[in-house]
Amino acid sequence: MILNRLEYKYLVPNEELNDIRSEIRPFIRIDEYALNRDPIEYTIRSIYFDTPAMSCYDEKIDGIKIRNKFRIRGYNELKENDIIFLEIKRKYNNFISKNRAPLYNHNLQDLFITKNVGKYIICPENNEQNQDDARRFLYHYYAQKLSPTVLVVYEREAFFGRFNERVRITFDKNLRSADYAVTNKLFSEHPLKPVFTRHFILELKFRGGMPQWARHIIGKFKLPRLAISKYTLCIDSHRKLNNHRKKISPISIKYCFALNCKGQDKKCSIICKT
């Protein structure tokens, strides 16, 4: 389990990326998982799950303070014996925590069929936390009748605080998605629909107080903190609204990157601002 930490998100124009990189450079070190890659970033792939009534989506846009997201997460390109993760991301106001269980990608279908976490979950000796986290995921999977809803993919530049490793800052770019999500398509690249192309998402995670250097940069670039959810943005980009629900993410309503109709779609009641 990843312990509670604060998470703040900002939507930033692409043209400010290089300037922000320069501003943070004295205060950060690069995430080791990206050091040997060119460019210095890695690809994050997540298949999100939701209930038949899309409760996770609704809870997010309704501003429910305590809520969960369920996903399978992998990284970069598919390789033999790739490790992926079952994840539950828990949100309590601005605090987040995660339950995370690793397994080999080729064992995922067998895990769902057999529920045998002892056989398929990778677990250090004398430490059953990973198995416990997998059981939590499977409990919700069956109890709430979860099913894969959308594949979310993006590139991430990731950094840790040079003087405080509890500080983490990430730039999430090229957000794209597919609405055909099935669990064996985590590493698929086609077809993926861009959600927006003019901005990236800056995420700041920390415990305790926000470091002064980060506060200065947020103020210098006049970045408003937003309740951004990649999951709801991607759902909106495919207009995956149930018949009984007329809601849509406030971020999509304000920016309308995801819908991308530019006022040309007469069926779209949203005023596009891009």
Protein backbone atom coordinates (compact mmCIF):
# COMPACT_ATOMS: atom_id res chain seq x y z
CA MET A 1 0.00 0.00 0.00
CA ILE A 2 1.16 3.53 -0.81
CA LEU A 3 0.44 5.73 2.19
CA ASN A 4 -1.66 8.89 2.23
CA ARG A 5 -0.28 11.95 0.50
CA LEU A 6 -1.69 15.15 -0.92
CA GLU A 7 -2.21 15.37 -4.67
CA TYR A 8 -2.69 18.64 -6.56
CA LYS A 9 -3.29 18.85 -10.32
CA TYR A 10 -2.87 21.66 -12.83
CA LEU A 11 -3.64 22.01 -16.53
CA VAL A 12 -0.74 23.73 -18.30
CA PRO A 13 -0.34 24.99 -21.90
CA ASN A 14 2.30 23.02 -23.80
CA GLU A 15 4.25 26.17 -24.62
CA GLU A 16 5.12 26.59 -20.93
CA LEU A 17 6.62 23.11 -20.56
CA ASN A 18 10.26 24.05 -21.24
CA ASP A 19 10.11 27.08 -18.95
CA ILE A 20 8.69 25.00 -16.10
CA ARG A 21 11.36 22.33 -16.66
CA SER A 22 14.02 25.02 -16.28
CA GLU A 23 12.41 26.42 -13.13
CA ILE A 24 12.23 23.09 -11.31
CA ARG A 25 15.65 21.75 -12.38
CA PRO A 26 17.60 22.92 -9.28
CA PHE A 27 15.09 21.26 -6.96
CA ILE A 28 14.46 17.84 -8.52
CA ARG A 29 16.06 14.60 -9.66
CA ILE A 30 14.74 12.41 -12.47
CA ASP A 31 12.75 9.27 -11.68
CA GLU A 32 15.11 6.31 -12.11
CA TYR A 33 12.57 4.46 -14.28
CA ALA A 34 12.95 7.12 -16.97
CA LEU A 35 16.70 7.70 -16.78
CA ASN A 36 17.63 5.20 -19.50
CA ARG A 37 14.87 6.20 -21.90
CA ASP A 38 15.06 8.70 -24.74
CA PRO A 39 13.25 11.01 -24.32
CA ILE A 40 13.40 10.89 -20.52
CA GLU A 41 9.82 9.77 -19.98
CA TYR A 42 7.80 6.58 -19.81
CA THR A 43 4.39 5.52 -21.03
CA ILE A 44 1.63 4.74 -18.54
CA ARG A 45 -1.23 2.47 -19.60
CA SER A 46 -4.33 1.94 -17.49
CA ILE A 47 -7.56 0.08 -18.05
CA TYR A 48 -10.18 1.59 -15.75
CA PHE A 49 -13.11 -0.40 -14.38
CA ASP A 50 -16.55 0.86 -13.42
CA THR A 51 -19.91 -0.48 -12.31
CA PRO A 52 -22.79 -1.06 -14.77
CA ALA A 53 -24.23 2.32 -13.67
CA MET A 54 -20.83 4.08 -14.04
CA SER A 55 -20.76 4.88 -10.32
CA CYS A 56 -17.05 5.74 -10.23
CA TYR A 57 -17.55 8.34 -12.95
CA ASP A 58 -20.59 9.82 -11.20
CA GLU A 59 -18.87 9.97 -7.81
CA LYS A 60 -16.00 11.93 -9.32
CA ILE A 61 -18.05 14.58 -11.11
CA ASP A 62 -20.48 14.82 -8.18
CA GLY A 63 -17.52 15.71 -5.95
CA ILE A 64 -17.95 12.81 -3.54
CA LYS A 65 -15.16 13.29 -1.00
CA ILE A 66 -14.42 9.61 -0.36
CA ARG A 67 -14.24 7.44 -3.46
CA ASN A 68 -12.30 4.68 -5.21
CA LYS A 69 -10.98 4.07 -8.69
CA PHE A 70 -10.16 0.60 -9.96
CA ARG A 71 -7.64 -0.05 -12.71
CA ILE A 72 -5.02 -2.33 -14.21
CA ARG A 73 -1.76 -0.50 -14.88
CA GLY A 74 1.25 -1.29 -17.06
CA TYR A 75 4.20 0.62 -18.43
CA ASN A 76 5.86 1.25 -21.79
CA GLU A 77 5.78 -1.40 -24.51
CA LEU A 78 4.78 -5.03 -24.09
CA LYS A 79 7.73 -7.29 -23.31
CA GLU A 80 8.02 -10.91 -22.28
CA ASN A 81 7.26 -11.40 -18.58
CA ASP A 82 6.01 -7.83 -18.18
CA ILE A 83 4.73 -7.04 -14.69
CA ILE A 84 1.42 -5.18 -14.41
CA PHE A 85 -0.53 -4.04 -11.36
CA LEU A 86 -4.03 -4.30 -9.96
CA GLU A 87 -4.71 -0.96 -8.32
CA ILE A 88 -7.31 0.64 -6.10
CA LYS A 89 -6.76 4.39 -5.84
CA ARG A 90 -8.52 5.81 -2.81
CA LYS A 91 -9.36 9.50 -2.56
CA TYR A 92 -10.23 11.28 0.67
CA ASN A 93 -10.62 15.00 -0.04
CA ASN A 94 -7.17 15.94 -1.41
CA PHE A 95 -5.43 12.89 0.06
CA ILE A 96 -4.75 9.75 -1.94
CA SER A 97 -3.60 6.23 -1.11
CA LYS A 98 -3.28 3.07 -3.20
CA ASN A 99 -3.61 -0.66 -2.88
CA ARG A 100 -1.32 -2.21 -5.50
CA ALA A 101 -0.71 -5.85 -6.40
CA PRO A 102 1.84 -6.95 -9.05
CA LEU A 103 1.50 -9.94 -11.37
CA TYR A 104 2.78 -11.05 -14.75
CA ASN A 105 0.71 -9.77 -17.64
CA HIS A 106 0.26 -13.25 -19.08
CA ASN A 107 -1.35 -14.42 -15.81
CA LEU A 108 -4.06 -11.76 -15.66
CA GLN A 109 -6.86 -13.75 -17.29
CA ASP A 110 -6.11 -16.81 -15.16
CA LEU A 111 -6.25 -14.69 -12.00
CA PHE A 112 -9.72 -13.39 -12.85
CA ILE A 113 -10.92 -16.90 -13.65
CA THR A 114 -9.44 -18.71 -10.65
CA LYS A 115 -9.13 -15.87 -8.06
CA ASN A 116 -5.95 -17.67 -6.94
CA VAL A 117 -3.91 -14.77 -5.59
CA GLY A 118 -1.45 -17.13 -3.92
CA LYS A 119 -0.46 -18.55 -7.29
CA TYR A 120 -0.45 -15.46 -9.49
CA ILE A 121 0.34 -12.41 -7.33
CA ILE A 122 4.04 -11.62 -6.97
CA CYS A 123 4.74 -11.42 -3.27
CA PRO A 124 8.02 -10.97 -1.35
CA GLU A 125 8.80 -13.70 1.14
CA ASN A 126 7.05 -13.22 4.50
CA ASN A 127 5.07 -10.27 3.16
CA GLU A 128 1.47 -10.90 2.15
CA GLN A 129 0.49 -7.27 1.59
CA ASN A 130 0.41 -7.71 -2.19
CA GLN A 131 -1.93 -10.68 -1.88
CA ASP A 132 -4.17 -8.74 0.50
CA ASP A 133 -4.31 -5.85 -1.98
CA ALA A 134 -5.24 -8.26 -4.78
CA ARG A 135 -8.03 -9.75 -2.67
CA ARG A 136 -9.41 -6.24 -2.10
CA PHE A 137 -9.43 -5.62 -5.85
CA LEU A 138 -11.12 -8.93 -6.62
CA TYR A 139 -13.69 -8.38 -3.88
CA HIS A 140 -14.80 -5.11 -5.48
CA TYR A 141 -14.54 -6.61 -8.97
CA TYR A 142 -17.11 -9.28 -8.18
CA ALA A 143 -19.21 -7.48 -5.55
CA GLN A 144 -19.74 -4.36 -7.67
CA LYS A 145 -19.82 -6.21 -11.01
CA LEU A 146 -16.94 -4.10 -12.32
CA SER A 147 -16.03 -4.25 -15.99
CA PRO A 148 -13.31 -2.60 -18.10
CA THR A 149 -14.52 0.76 -19.37
CA VAL A 150 -11.74 2.70 -21.06
CA LEU A 151 -8.04 2.37 -21.88
CA VAL A 152 -6.07 5.48 -20.85
CA VAL A 153 -2.54 6.08 -22.16
CA TYR A 154 -0.10 8.97 -21.74
CA GLU A 155 3.59 9.81 -21.45
CA ARG A 156 4.97 10.90 -18.09
CA GLU A 157 8.02 12.92 -17.12
CA ALA A 158 8.55 12.15 -13.44
CA PHE A 159 10.75 13.77 -10.81
CA PHE A 160 11.40 13.55 -7.08
CA GLY A 161 12.40 16.39 -4.80
CA ARG A 162 16.19 16.70 -4.59
CA PHE A 163 16.01 17.64 -0.92
CA ASN A 164 12.80 15.83 0.02
CA GLU A 165 11.98 12.52 -1.67
CA ARG A 166 8.41 12.72 -0.41
CA VAL A 167 7.81 15.39 -3.05
CA ARG A 168 6.96 14.13 -6.53
CA ILE A 169 6.17 16.21 -9.60
CA THR A 170 5.02 14.77 -12.92
CA PHE A 171 4.17 16.08 -16.38
CA ASP A 172 1.55 13.88 -18.08
CA LYS A 173 1.45 14.48 -21.83
CA ASN A 174 -0.30 13.23 -24.95
CA LEU A 175 -3.35 11.90 -23.11
CA ARG A 176 -5.23 9.47 -25.34
CA SER A 177 -7.72 6.66 -24.91
CA ALA A 178 -9.80 3.88 -26.42
CA ASP A 179 -13.32 2.93 -25.40
CA TYR A 180 -13.16 -0.71 -26.45
CA ALA A 181 -11.19 -1.60 -23.32
CA VAL A 182 -10.73 -5.29 -22.61
CA THR A 183 -8.20 -6.62 -20.17
CA ASN A 184 -5.94 -8.22 -22.79
CA LYS A 185 -5.58 -4.92 -24.71
CA LEU A 186 -3.60 -2.99 -22.10
CA PHE A 187 -0.65 -2.56 -24.48
CA SER A 188 -2.68 -1.74 -27.57
CA GLU A 189 -1.80 1.43 -29.51
CA HIS A 190 -4.54 1.38 -32.12
CA PRO A 191 -6.93 3.04 -32.30
CA LEU A 192 -6.31 5.61 -29.57
CA LYS A 193 -8.14 8.94 -29.58
CA PRO A 194 -6.35 12.11 -28.41
CA VAL A 195 -8.16 13.76 -25.52
CA PHE A 196 -6.42 17.11 -25.86
CA THR A 197 -3.24 18.21 -27.58
CA ARG A 198 -2.61 21.79 -26.42
CA HIS A 199 -2.09 21.13 -22.71
CA PHE A 200 -0.42 18.72 -20.32
CA ILE A 201 -1.32 17.81 -16.74
CA LEU A 202 1.09 18.75 -13.97
CA GLU A 203 0.66 16.69 -10.81
CA LEU A 204 2.26 17.54 -7.50
CA LYS A 205 2.27 14.93 -4.73
CA PHE A 206 3.66 15.50 -1.26
CA ARG A 207 3.27 14.81 2.44
CA GLY A 208 3.18 17.66 4.90
CA GLY A 209 3.44 21.14 3.40
CA MET A 210 4.00 22.03 -0.23
CA PRO A 211 7.67 22.98 -0.72
CA GLN A 212 8.33 26.68 -1.18
CA TRP A 213 9.96 26.21 -4.59
CA ALA A 214 6.84 24.45 -5.89
CA ARG A 215 4.58 27.13 -4.44
CA HIS A 216 6.71 29.78 -6.18
CA ILE A 217 6.48 28.04 -9.57
CA ILE A 218 2.72 27.53 -9.32
CA GLY A 219 2.35 31.23 -8.54
CA LYS A 220 4.79 32.42 -11.20
CA PHE A 221 2.95 30.60 -13.98
CA LYS A 222 -0.47 31.43 -12.49
CA LEU A 223 -1.59 27.81 -12.55
CA PRO A 224 -5.07 27.23 -11.09
CA ARG A 225 -5.52 23.98 -9.20
CA LEU A 226 -8.20 21.85 -10.87
CA ALA A 227 -10.06 18.66 -10.02
CA ILE A 228 -8.73 16.88 -13.10
CA SER A 229 -9.51 13.21 -13.69
CA LYS A 230 -7.94 11.48 -16.68
CA TYR A 231 -10.60 8.81 -16.36
CA THR A 232 -13.56 11.18 -16.68
CA LEU A 233 -11.85 13.18 -19.44
CA CYS A 234 -11.36 10.02 -21.47
CA ILE A 235 -14.92 8.85 -20.84
CA ASP A 236 -16.16 12.24 -22.04
CA SER A 237 -13.97 12.09 -25.15
CA HIS A 238 -15.95 9.04 -26.27
CA ARG A 239 -19.29 10.49 -25.09
CA LYS A 240 -19.81 7.39 -22.99
CA LEU A 241 -22.86 8.67 -21.15
CA ASN A 242 -25.57 6.30 -20.03
CA ASN A 243 -29.11 7.16 -21.11
CA HIS A 244 -30.14 7.93 -17.53
CA ARG A 245 -27.25 10.33 -16.96
CA LYS A 246 -26.91 13.75 -18.54
CA LYS A 247 -23.88 14.79 -16.51
CA ILE A 248 -20.44 15.49 -17.87
CA SER A 249 -17.13 16.34 -16.26
CA PRO A 250 -16.83 20.06 -15.39
CA ILE A 251 -13.32 20.10 -16.87
CA SER A 252 -14.69 18.84 -20.18
CA ILE A 253 -17.45 21.44 -20.05
CA LYS A 254 -15.00 24.28 -19.42
CA TYR A 255 -12.31 23.31 -21.89
CA CYS A 256 -14.04 20.89 -24.25
CA PHE A 257 -10.72 19.44 -25.40
CA ALA A 258 -12.10 15.96 -25.20
CA LEU A 259 -15.23 16.52 -27.24
CA ASN A 260 -13.27 18.30 -29.97
CA CYS A 261 -16.33 19.29 -31.99
CA LYS A 262 -15.32 22.99 -32.16
CA GLY A 263 -18.96 23.98 -32.32
CA GLN A 264 -19.58 21.94 -35.45
CA ASP A 265 -21.59 19.16 -33.82
CA LYS A 266 -25.21 20.30 -33.57
CA LYS A 267 -25.95 17.53 -31.08
CA CYS A 268 -23.35 18.89 -28.68
CA SER A 269 -24.90 21.25 -26.13
CA ILE A 270 -21.51 22.26 -24.74
CA ILE A 271 -19.96 25.60 -25.68
CA CYS A 272 -16.51 24.81 -27.05
CA LYS A 273 -13.74 27.17 -26.00
CA THR A 274 -10.82 25.82 -28.03
